[in-house]
PDB file of N, CA and C in Angstrom:
ATOM      1  N   MET A   1      -3.161  -0.497  14.513  1.00  0.00           N
ATOM      2  CA  MET A   1      -4.144  -1.320  13.838  1.00  0.00           C
ATOM      3  C   MET A   1      -3.438  -2.359  12.981  1.00  0.00           C
ATOM      4  N   ALA A   2      -4.208  -3.046  12.207  1.00  0.00           N
ATOM      5  CA  ALA A   2      -3.674  -4.058  11.308  1.00  0.00           C
ATOM      6  C   ALA A   2      -4.328  -3.891   9.942  1.00  0.00           C
ATOM      7  N   PHE A   3      -3.808  -4.618   8.976  1.00  0.00           N
ATOM      8  CA  PHE A   3      -4.371  -4.599   7.633  1.00  0.00           C
ATOM      9  C   PHE A   3      -5.863  -4.903   7.673  1.00  0.00           C
ATOM     10  N   GLN A   4      -6.632  -4.104   6.934  1.00  0.00           N
ATOM     11  CA  GLN A   4      -8.078  -4.302   6.810  1.00  0.00           C
ATOM     12  C   GLN A   4      -8.406  -4.577   5.343  1.00  0.00           C
ATOM     13  N   PRO A   5      -8.784  -5.805   4.997  1.00  0.00           N
ATOM     14  CA  PRO A   5      -9.062  -6.136   3.596  1.00  0.00           C
ATOM     15  C   PRO A   5     -10.103  -5.225   2.946  1.00  0.00           C
ATOM     16  N   LYS A   6     -11.062  -4.750   3.716  1.00  0.00           N
ATOM     17  CA  LYS A   6     -12.118  -3.897   3.158  1.00  0.00           C
ATOM     18  C   LYS A   6     -11.580  -2.563   2.654  1.00  0.00           C
ATOM     19  N   ASP A   7     -10.384  -2.178   3.092  1.00  0.00           N
ATOM     20  CA  ASP A   7      -9.797  -0.901   2.714  1.00  0.00           C
ATOM     21  C   ASP A   7      -8.834  -0.993   1.527  1.00  0.00           C
ATOM     22  N   LEU A   8      -8.714  -2.185   0.933  1.00  0.00           N
ATOM     23  CA  LEU A   8      -7.874  -2.399  -0.243  1.00  0.00           C
ATOM     24  C   LEU A   8      -8.781  -2.615  -1.447  1.00  0.00           C
ATOM     25  N   SER A   9      -8.613  -1.800  -2.476  1.00  0.00           N
ATOM     26  CA  SER A   9      -9.468  -1.947  -3.650  1.00  0.00           C
ATOM     27  C   SER A   9      -8.657  -1.786  -4.930  1.00  0.00           C
ATOM     28  N   VAL A  10      -9.145  -2.422  -5.994  1.00  0.00           N
ATOM     29  CA  VAL A  10      -8.501  -2.348  -7.306  1.00  0.00           C
ATOM     30  C   VAL A  10      -8.933  -1.067  -8.000  1.00  0.00           C
ATOM     31  N   LEU A  11      -7.953  -0.316  -8.499  1.00  0.00           N
ATOM     32  CA  LEU A  11      -8.239   0.866  -9.312  1.00  0.00           C
ATOM     33  C   LEU A  11      -8.157   0.531 -10.797  1.00  0.00           C
ATOM     34  N   ALA A  12      -7.179  -0.310 -11.163  1.00  0.00           N
ATOM     35  CA  ALA A  12      -6.995  -0.680 -12.569  1.00  0.00           C
ATOM     36  C   ALA A  12      -6.239  -1.997 -12.654  1.00  0.00           C
ATOM     37  N   TYR A  13      -6.519  -2.739 -13.712  1.00  0.00           N
ATOM     38  CA  TYR A  13      -5.834  -3.997 -13.963  1.00  0.00           C
ATOM     39  C   TYR A  13      -5.573  -4.110 -15.459  1.00  0.00           C
ATOM     40  N   ALA A  14      -4.336  -4.422 -15.838  1.00  0.00           N
ATOM     41  CA  ALA A  14      -4.002  -4.629 -17.244  1.00  0.00           C
ATOM     42  C   ALA A  14      -2.689  -5.390 -17.356  1.00  0.00           C
ATOM     43  N   ASN A  15      -2.651  -6.334 -18.277  1.00  0.00           N
ATOM     44  CA  ASN A  15      -1.416  -7.052 -18.610  1.00  0.00           C
ATOM     45  C   ASN A  15      -0.708  -7.646 -17.399  1.00  0.00           C
ATOM     46  N   GLY A  16      -1.452  -8.186 -16.454  1.00  0.00           N
ATOM     47  CA  GLY A  16      -0.861  -8.818 -15.276  1.00  0.00           C
ATOM     48  C   GLY A  16      -0.398  -7.854 -14.214  1.00  0.00           C
ATOM     49  N   PHE A  17      -0.769  -6.586 -14.347  1.00  0.00           N
ATOM     50  CA  PHE A  17      -0.407  -5.553 -13.375  1.00  0.00           C
ATOM     51  C   PHE A  17      -1.693  -5.020 -12.744  1.00  0.00           C
ATOM     52  N   THR A  18      -1.640  -4.786 -11.438  1.00  0.00           N
ATOM     53  CA  THR A  18      -2.791  -4.209 -10.740  1.00  0.00           C
ATOM     54  C   THR A  18      -2.360  -2.959 -10.008  1.00  0.00           C
ATOM     55  N   LEU A  19      -3.168  -1.916 -10.158  1.00  0.00           N
ATOM     56  CA  LEU A  19      -3.007  -0.682  -9.402  1.00  0.00           C
ATOM     57  C   LEU A  19      -4.063  -0.709  -8.305  1.00  0.00           C
ATOM     58  N   TRP A  20      -3.594  -0.648  -7.063  1.00  0.00           N
ATOM     59  CA  TRP A  20      -4.465  -0.754  -5.890  1.00  0.00           C
ATOM     60  C   TRP A  20      -4.586   0.588  -5.183  1.00  0.00           C
ATOM     61  N   HIS A  21      -5.624   0.714  -4.370  1.00  0.00           N
ATOM     62  CA  HIS A  21      -5.744   1.834  -3.430  1.00  0.00           C
ATOM     63  C   HIS A  21      -5.958   1.245  -2.048  1.00  0.00           C
ATOM     64  N   TYR A  22      -5.264   1.824  -1.066  1.00  0.00           N
ATOM     65  CA  TYR A  22      -5.429   1.391   0.321  1.00  0.00           C
ATOM     66  C   TYR A  22      -5.481   2.619   1.214  1.00  0.00           C
ATOM     67  N   THR A  23      -6.431   2.639   2.132  1.00  0.00           N
ATOM     68  CA  THR A  23      -6.551   3.736   3.086  1.00  0.00           C
ATOM     69  C   THR A  23      -6.545   3.174   4.497  1.00  0.00           C
ATOM     70  N   THR A  24      -5.873   3.882   5.406  1.00  0.00           N
ATOM     71  CA  THR A  24      -5.729   3.376   6.768  1.00  0.00           C
ATOM     72  C   THR A  24      -5.314   4.480   7.734  1.00  0.00           C
ATOM     73  N   PRO A  25      -5.702   4.360   8.990  1.00  0.00           N
ATOM     74  CA  PRO A  25      -5.183   5.277   9.993  1.00  0.00           C
ATOM     75  C   PRO A  25      -3.748   4.934  10.407  1.00  0.00           C
ATOM     76  N   ASP A  26      -3.236   3.788   9.957  1.00  0.00           N
ATOM     77  CA  ASP A  26      -1.868   3.380  10.284  1.00  0.00           C
ATOM     78  C   ASP A  26      -0.857   4.291   9.582  1.00  0.00           C
ATOM     79  N   ALA A  27       0.297   4.433  10.189  1.00  0.00           N
ATOM     80  CA  ALA A  27       1.390   5.224   9.608  1.00  0.00           C
ATOM     81  C   ALA A  27       1.987   4.492   8.411  1.00  0.00           C
ATOM     82  N   ALA A  28       2.567   5.247   7.488  1.00  0.00           N
ATOM     83  CA  ALA A  28       3.197   4.662   6.302  1.00  0.00           C
ATOM     84  C   ALA A  28       4.268   3.648   6.688  1.00  0.00           C
ATOM     85  N   SER A  29       4.997   3.902   7.755  1.00  0.00           N
ATOM     86  CA  SER A  29       6.054   2.979   8.180  1.00  0.00           C
ATOM     87  C   SER A  29       5.482   1.620   8.575  1.00  0.00           C
ATOM     88  N   ALA A  30       4.284   1.602   9.125  1.00  0.00           N
ATOM     89  CA  ALA A  30       3.640   0.335   9.490  1.00  0.00           C
ATOM     90  C   ALA A  30       3.137  -0.388   8.244  1.00  0.00           C
ATOM     91  N   VAL A  31       2.561   0.373   7.322  1.00  0.00           N
ATOM     92  CA  VAL A  31       1.989  -0.203   6.107  1.00  0.00           C
ATOM     93  C   VAL A  31       3.060  -0.843   5.236  1.00  0.00           C
ATOM     94  N   ARG A  32       4.221  -0.242   5.140  1.00  0.00           N
ATOM     95  CA  ARG A  32       5.275  -0.782   4.282  1.00  0.00           C
ATOM     96  C   ARG A  32       6.070  -1.899   4.956  1.00  0.00           C
ATOM     97  N   ALA A  33       5.854  -2.117   6.226  1.00  0.00           N
ATOM     98  CA  ALA A  33       6.592  -3.154   6.953  1.00  0.00           C
ATOM     99  C   ALA A  33       6.279  -4.534   6.381  1.00  0.00           C
ATOM    100  N   GLY A  34       7.306  -5.360   6.300  1.00  0.00           N
ATOM    101  CA  GLY A  34       7.133  -6.724   5.822  1.00  0.00           C
ATOM    102  C   GLY A  34       6.060  -7.443   6.616  1.00  0.00           C
ATOM    103  N   GLY A  35       5.136  -8.060   5.925  1.00  0.00           N
ATOM    104  CA  GLY A  35       4.087  -8.824   6.584  1.00  0.00           C
ATOM    105  C   GLY A  35       2.772  -8.087   6.760  1.00  0.00           C
ATOM    106  N   TYR A  36       2.756  -6.770   6.628  1.00  0.00           N
ATOM    107  CA  TYR A  36       1.521  -6.012   6.853  1.00  0.00           C
ATOM    108  C   TYR A  36       0.408  -6.498   5.925  1.00  0.00           C
ATOM    109  N   PHE A  37       0.738  -6.772   4.657  1.00  0.00           N
ATOM    110  CA  PHE A  37      -0.258  -7.175   3.667  1.00  0.00           C
ATOM    111  C   PHE A  37      -0.346  -8.695   3.478  1.00  0.00           C
ATOM    112  N   ASN A  38       0.147  -9.476   4.418  1.00  0.00           N
ATOM    113  CA  ASN A  38       0.151 -10.933   4.255  1.00  0.00           C
ATOM    114  C   ASN A  38      -1.235 -11.508   3.980  1.00  0.00           C
ATOM    115  N   ALA A  39      -2.265 -10.926   4.573  1.00  0.00           N
ATOM    116  CA  ALA A  39      -3.627 -11.436   4.362  1.00  0.00           C
ATOM    117  C   ALA A  39      -4.086 -11.252   2.914  1.00  0.00           C
ATOM    118  N   ALA A  40      -3.396 -10.409   2.168  1.00  0.00           N
ATOM    119  CA  ALA A  40      -3.735 -10.179   0.757  1.00  0.00           C
ATOM    120  C   ALA A  40      -2.707 -10.810  -0.177  1.00  0.00           C
ATOM    121  N   ALA A  41      -1.863 -11.695   0.347  1.00  0.00           N
ATOM    122  CA  ALA A  41      -0.793 -12.297  -0.452  1.00  0.00           C
ATOM    123  C   ALA A  41      -1.324 -13.004  -1.693  1.00  0.00           C
ATOM    124  N   HIS A  42      -2.516 -13.561  -1.606  1.00  0.00           N
ATOM    125  CA  HIS A  42      -3.094 -14.279  -2.746  1.00  0.00           C
ATOM    126  C   HIS A  42      -3.525 -13.335  -3.875  1.00  0.00           C
ATOM    127  N   MET A  43      -3.570 -12.030  -3.613  1.00  0.00           N
ATOM    128  CA  MET A  43      -3.997 -11.059  -4.630  1.00  0.00           C
ATOM    129  C   MET A  43      -2.847 -10.195  -5.157  1.00  0.00           C
ATOM    130  N   LEU A  44      -1.876  -9.912  -4.318  1.00  0.00           N
ATOM    131  CA  LEU A  44      -0.798  -8.984  -4.673  1.00  0.00           C
ATOM    132  C   LEU A  44       0.330  -9.700  -5.406  1.00  0.00           C
ATOM    133  N   ARG A  45       0.813  -9.070  -6.481  1.00  0.00           N
ATOM    134  CA  ARG A  45       1.924  -9.633  -7.245  1.00  0.00           C
ATOM    135  C   ARG A  45       3.097  -8.658  -7.233  1.00  0.00           C
ATOM    136  N   VAL A  46       4.292  -9.203  -7.325  1.00  0.00           N
ATOM    137  CA  VAL A  46       5.487  -8.371  -7.402  1.00  0.00           C
ATOM    138  C   VAL A  46       5.334  -7.405  -8.570  1.00  0.00           C
ATOM    139  N   GLY A  47       5.585  -6.131  -8.299  1.00  0.00           N
ATOM    140  CA  GLY A  47       5.455  -5.090  -9.307  1.00  0.00           C
ATOM    141  C   GLY A  47       4.140  -4.332  -9.236  1.00  0.00           C
ATOM    142  N   ASP A  48       3.129  -4.899  -8.571  1.00  0.00           N
ATOM    143  CA  ASP A  48       1.879  -4.149  -8.380  1.00  0.00           C
ATOM    144  C   ASP A  48       2.181  -2.885  -7.591  1.00  0.00           C
ATOM    145  N   MET A  49       1.395  -1.837  -7.823  1.00  0.00           N
ATOM    146  CA  MET A  49       1.545  -0.579  -7.093  1.00  0.00           C
ATOM    147  C   MET A  49       0.336  -0.341  -6.210  1.00  0.00           C
ATOM    148  N   VAL A  50       0.592   0.263  -5.063  1.00  0.00           N
ATOM    149  CA  VAL A  50      -0.465   0.595  -4.119  1.00  0.00           C
ATOM    150  C   VAL A  50      -0.428   2.103  -3.882  1.00  0.00           C
ATOM    151  N   LEU A  51      -1.497   2.789  -4.279  1.00  0.00           N
ATOM    152  CA  LEU A  51      -1.661   4.187  -3.902  1.00  0.00           C
ATOM    153  C   LEU A  51      -2.230   4.157  -2.498  1.00  0.00           C
ATOM    154  N   ALA A  52      -1.545   4.804  -1.575  1.00  0.00           N
ATOM    155  CA  ALA A  52      -1.944   4.700  -0.181  1.00  0.00           C
ATOM    156  C   ALA A  52      -2.238   6.061   0.435  1.00  0.00           C
ATOM    157  N   ASN A  53      -3.301   6.088   1.227  1.00  0.00           N
ATOM    158  CA  ASN A  53      -3.600   7.215   2.104  1.00  0.00           C
ATOM    159  C   ASN A  53      -3.404   6.678   3.511  1.00  0.00           C
ATOM    160  N   THR A  54      -2.367   7.170   4.197  1.00  0.00           N
ATOM    161  CA  THR A  54      -2.021   6.658   5.520  1.00  0.00           C
ATOM    162  C   THR A  54      -2.221   7.738   6.582  1.00  0.00           C
ATOM    163  N   SER A  55      -2.185   7.303   7.817  1.00  0.00           N
ATOM    164  CA  SER A  55      -2.340   8.206   8.974  1.00  0.00           C
ATOM    165  C   SER A  55      -3.608   9.054   8.848  1.00  0.00           C
ATOM    166  N   THR A  56      -4.684   8.433   8.363  1.00  0.00           N
ATOM    167  CA  THR A  56      -5.913   9.184   8.113  1.00  0.00           C
ATOM    168  C   THR A  56      -6.583   9.688   9.386  1.00  0.00           C
ATOM    169  N   GLY A  57      -6.175   9.178  10.538  1.00  0.00           N
ATOM    170  CA  GLY A  57      -6.743   9.634  11.795  1.00  0.00           C
ATOM    171  C   GLY A  57      -5.955  10.770  12.421  1.00  0.00           C
ATOM    172  N   GLY A  58      -4.844  11.164  11.802  1.00  0.00           N
ATOM    173  CA  GLY A  58      -3.987  12.205  12.356  1.00  0.00           C
ATOM    174  C   GLY A  58      -3.545  13.159  11.273  1.00  0.00           C
ATOM    175  N   THR A  59      -2.241  13.162  11.009  1.00  0.00           N
ATOM    176  CA  THR A  59      -1.695  13.978   9.923  1.00  0.00           C
ATOM    177  C   THR A  59      -1.579  13.083   8.701  1.00  0.00           C
ATOM    178  N   PRO A  60      -2.520  13.196   7.765  1.00  0.00           N
ATOM    179  CA  PRO A  60      -2.540  12.260   6.647  1.00  0.00           C
ATOM    180  C   PRO A  60      -1.333  12.392   5.726  1.00  0.00           C
ATOM    181  N   ALA A  61      -0.999  11.266   5.115  1.00  0.00           N
ATOM    182  CA  ALA A  61       0.068  11.210   4.115  1.00  0.00           C
ATOM    183  C   ALA A  61      -0.447  10.395   2.938  1.00  0.00           C
ATOM    184  N   ALA A  62       0.098  10.667   1.771  1.00  0.00           N
ATOM    185  CA  ALA A  62      -0.285   9.922   0.574  1.00  0.00           C
ATOM    186  C   ALA A  62       0.971   9.558  -0.192  1.00  0.00           C
ATOM    187  N   GLY A  63       0.924   8.406  -0.840  1.00  0.00           N
ATOM    188  CA  GLY A  63       2.083   8.001  -1.605  1.00  0.00           C
ATOM    189  C   GLY A  63       1.869   6.715  -2.365  1.00  0.00           C
ATOM    190  N   ILE A  64       2.955   6.252  -2.966  1.00  0.00           N
ATOM    191  CA  ILE A  64       2.944   5.051  -3.783  1.00  0.00           C
ATOM    192  C   ILE A  64       3.916   4.048  -3.180  1.00  0.00           C
ATOM    193  N   LEU A  65       3.444   2.813  -3.041  1.00  0.00           N
ATOM    194  CA  LEU A  65       4.283   1.704  -2.616  1.00  0.00           C
ATOM    195  C   LEU A  65       4.260   0.661  -3.726  1.00  0.00           C
ATOM    196  N   VAL A  66       5.309  -0.115  -3.845  1.00  0.00           N
ATOM    197  CA  VAL A  66       5.390  -1.166  -4.850  1.00  0.00           C
ATOM    198  C   VAL A  66       5.598  -2.494  -4.135  1.00  0.00           C
ATOM    199  N   VAL A  67       4.914  -3.527  -4.613  1.00  0.00           N
ATOM    200  CA  VAL A  67       5.106  -4.856  -4.042  1.00  0.00           C
ATOM    201  C   VAL A  67       6.488  -5.339  -4.483  1.00  0.00           C
ATOM    202  N   ALA A  68       7.409  -5.413  -3.527  1.00  0.00           N
ATOM    203  CA  ALA A  68       8.789  -5.793  -3.816  1.00  0.00           C
ATOM    204  C   ALA A  68       8.982  -7.301  -3.778  1.00  0.00           C
ATOM    205  N   ALA A  69       8.226  -7.977  -2.905  1.00  0.00           N
ATOM    206  CA  ALA A  69       8.353  -9.430  -2.776  1.00  0.00           C
ATOM    207  C   ALA A  69       7.049 -10.008  -2.266  1.00  0.00           C
ATOM    208  N   ASN A  70       6.771 -11.226  -2.706  1.00  0.00           N
ATOM    209  CA  ASN A  70       5.610 -11.969  -2.230  1.00  0.00           C
ATOM    210  C   ASN A  70       5.960 -13.435  -2.390  1.00  0.00           C
ATOM    211  N   ALA A  71       6.399 -14.037  -1.291  1.00  0.00           N
ATOM    212  CA  ALA A  71       6.814 -15.431  -1.340  1.00  0.00           C
ATOM    213  C   ALA A  71       6.336 -16.159  -0.093  1.00  0.00           C
ATOM    214  N   LEU A  72       5.756 -17.316  -0.305  1.00  0.00           N
ATOM    215  CA  LEU A  72       5.292 -18.162   0.798  1.00  0.00           C
ATOM    216  C   LEU A  72       4.345 -17.412   1.729  1.00  0.00           C
ATOM    217  N   GLY A  73       3.526 -16.522   1.146  1.00  0.00           N
ATOM    218  CA  GLY A  73       2.529 -15.803   1.924  1.00  0.00           C
ATOM    219  C   GLY A  73       3.028 -14.579   2.650  1.00  0.00           C
ATOM    220  N   THR A  74       4.294 -14.213   2.446  1.00  0.00           N
ATOM    221  CA  THR A  74       4.846 -13.021   3.087  1.00  0.00           C
ATOM    222  C   THR A  74       5.035 -11.933   2.036  1.00  0.00           C
ATOM    223  N   VAL A  75       4.364 -10.799   2.258  1.00  0.00           N
ATOM    224  CA  VAL A  75       4.395  -9.679   1.318  1.00  0.00           C
ATOM    225  C   VAL A  75       5.282  -8.579   1.888  1.00  0.00           C
ATOM    226  N   ASP A  76       6.138  -8.023   1.027  1.00  0.00           N
ATOM    227  CA  ASP A  76       6.991  -6.906   1.415  1.00  0.00           C
ATOM    228  C   ASP A  76       6.836  -5.805   0.380  1.00  0.00           C
ATOM    229  N   LEU A  77       6.584  -4.585   0.846  1.00  0.00           N
ATOM    230  CA  LEU A  77       6.436  -3.433  -0.031  1.00  0.00           C
ATOM    231  C   LEU A  77       7.629  -2.502   0.125  1.00  0.00           C
ATOM    232  N   THR A  78       7.884  -1.717  -0.915  1.00  0.00           N
ATOM    233  CA  THR A  78       8.944  -0.714  -0.852  1.00  0.00           C
ATOM    234  C   THR A  78       8.533   0.403   0.102  1.00  0.00           C
ATOM    235  N   ASP A  79       9.480   1.253   0.459  1.00  0.00           N
ATOM    236  CA  ASP A  79       9.155   2.453   1.219  1.00  0.00           C
ATOM    237  C   ASP A  79       8.187   3.297   0.402  1.00  0.00           C
ATOM    238  N   MET A  80       7.349   4.062   1.080  1.00  0.00           N
ATOM    239  CA  MET A  80       6.369   4.878   0.385  1.00  0.00           C
ATOM    240  C   MET A  80       7.036   6.106  -0.228  1.00  0.00           C
ATOM    241  N   THR A  81       6.783   6.311  -1.520  1.00  0.00           N
ATOM    242  CA  THR A  81       7.201   7.527  -2.193  1.00  0.00           C
ATOM    243  C   THR A  81       6.063   8.528  -2.027  1.00  0.00           C
ATOM    244  N   ALA A  82       6.342   9.601  -1.324  1.00  0.00           N
ATOM    245  CA  ALA A  82       5.295  10.588  -1.013  1.00  0.00           C
ATOM    246  C   ALA A  82       4.795  11.266  -2.274  1.00  0.00           C
ATOM    247  N   VAL A  83       3.508  11.554  -2.281  1.00  0.00           N
ATOM    248  CA  VAL A  83       2.865  12.294  -3.364  1.00  0.00           C
ATOM    249  C   VAL A  83       2.152  13.484  -2.720  1.00  0.00           C
ATOM    250  N   GLY A  84       2.334  14.649  -3.293  1.00  0.00           N
ATOM    251  CA  GLY A  84       1.657  15.832  -2.767  1.00  0.00           C
ATOM    252  C   GLY A  84       2.178  16.310  -1.434  1.00  0.00           C
ATOM    253  N   ALA A  85       3.438  15.987  -1.120  1.00  0.00           N
ATOM    254  CA  ALA A  85       4.001  16.336   0.170  1.00  0.00           C
ATOM    255  C   ALA A  85       4.387  17.821   0.263  1.00  0.00           C
ATOM    256  N   THR A  86       4.560  18.461  -0.881  1.00  0.00           N
ATOM    257  CA  THR A  86       4.959  19.855  -0.882  1.00  0.00           C
ATOM    258  C   THR A  86       3.814  20.725  -1.371  1.00  0.00           C
ATOM    259  N   ASN A  87       3.519  21.766  -0.613  1.00  0.00           N
ATOM    260  CA  ASN A  87       2.477  22.722  -0.989  1.00  0.00           C
ATOM    261  C   ASN A  87       3.070  24.107  -0.804  1.00  0.00           C
ATOM    262  N   THR A  88       3.341  24.810  -1.885  1.00  0.00           N
ATOM    263  CA  THR A  88       4.036  26.097  -1.808  1.00  0.00           C
ATOM    264  C   THR A  88       3.109  27.278  -1.575  1.00  0.00           C
ATOM    265  N   ASP A  89       1.821  27.042  -1.356  1.00  0.00           N
ATOM    266  CA  ASP A  89       0.900  28.155  -1.069  1.00  0.00           C
ATOM    267  C   ASP A  89       1.140  28.720   0.312  1.00  0.00           C
TER     268      ASP A  89
END
């Protein structure tokens, strides 16, 4: 799939920083790839964080990505830092 603007939403905004949420059936590796969020380049700023739920159609994953670069309409995010990946039950 590709980036879906309807699946990106603001969770919090303060002092020039935005915390976003994004959900997608795409794998985390696709979401963090340079250019995936280009359609949202006008909204995303370097340092913004994206809480992501990925691979929602299969084995879901959750994590945090950071906007590492946004120049000339090309957005690049850091690798996803997994959240809740370990369950000791």
